[in-house]
Amino acid sequence: MNIPLPSTIGLIGGLISDVINELIQYTNRFNEMHWGIVAGCCVAFGFLCLKGGNLNR
């Protein structure tokens, strides 16, 4: 399937634009509790990454 380059670039640009707009809308609606949940999840994920897997042992 050969897709012309300009339409592919336009499609990707449109998708990126949609994602950025959604992220902006979500962040504008967040309150302190939402940001606290996001921060807690980031910290928990960081500790899980630091723990590593069985390959490190």
Protein backbone atom coordinates (compact mmCIF):
# COMPACT_ATOMS: atom_id res chain seq x y z
CA MET A 1 0.00 0.00 0.00
CA ASN A 2 1.66 3.19 -1.16
CA ILE A 3 0.45 6.31 0.62
CA PRO A 4 1.62 9.60 -0.85
CA LEU A 5 4.02 11.41 1.45
CA PRO A 6 2.10 14.71 1.85
CA SER A 7 -1.09 12.98 3.03
CA THR A 8 0.90 10.87 5.50
CA ILE A 9 2.57 13.96 6.94
CA GLY A 10 -0.80 15.70 7.15
CA LEU A 11 -2.31 12.69 8.94
CA ILE A 12 0.53 12.48 11.47
CA GLY A 13 0.45 16.24 12.01
CA GLY A 14 -3.30 16.09 12.62
CA LEU A 15 -2.92 13.25 15.13
CA ILE A 16 -0.18 15.08 17.02
CA SER A 17 -2.27 18.24 17.07
CA ASP A 18 -5.26 16.32 18.46
CA VAL A 19 -3.15 14.71 21.18
CA ILE A 20 -1.66 18.04 22.24
CA ASN A 21 -5.09 19.69 22.35
CA GLU A 22 -6.50 16.87 24.51
CA LEU A 23 -3.56 17.07 26.92
CA ILE A 24 -4.04 20.82 27.25
CA GLN A 25 -7.76 20.36 27.94
CA TYR A 26 -7.09 17.70 30.60
CA THR A 27 -4.39 19.71 32.36
CA ASN A 28 -6.64 22.77 32.47
CA ARG A 29 -9.34 20.74 34.24
CA PHE A 30 -7.07 19.07 36.82
CA ASN A 31 -7.36 20.11 40.44
CA GLU A 32 -4.92 19.43 43.29
CA MET A 33 -6.29 15.94 43.92
CA HIS A 34 -5.82 14.93 40.28
CA TRP A 35 -2.23 16.20 40.26
CA GLY A 36 -1.61 14.34 43.54
CA ILE A 37 -2.79 11.08 41.99
CA VAL A 38 -0.60 11.64 38.93
CA ALA A 39 2.41 12.42 41.13
CA GLY A 40 1.80 9.35 43.30
CA CYS A 41 1.60 7.11 40.24
CA CYS A 42 4.85 8.57 38.89
CA VAL A 43 6.64 7.95 42.17
CA ALA A 44 5.30 4.37 42.40
CA PHE A 45 6.35 3.70 38.80
CA GLY A 46 9.81 5.11 39.55
CA PHE A 47 10.26 2.78 42.53
CA LEU A 48 9.16 -0.18 40.42
CA CYS A 49 11.71 0.77 37.78
CA LEU A 50 14.45 1.11 40.41
CA LYS A 51 13.62 -2.29 41.84
CA GLY A 52 14.32 -3.85 38.47
CA GLY A 53 13.72 -7.39 37.39
CA ASN A 54 15.41 -10.69 38.01
CA LEU A 55 17.99 -9.90 35.33
CA ASN A 56 19.82 -7.50 37.67
CA ARG A 57 20.39 -10.12 40.37
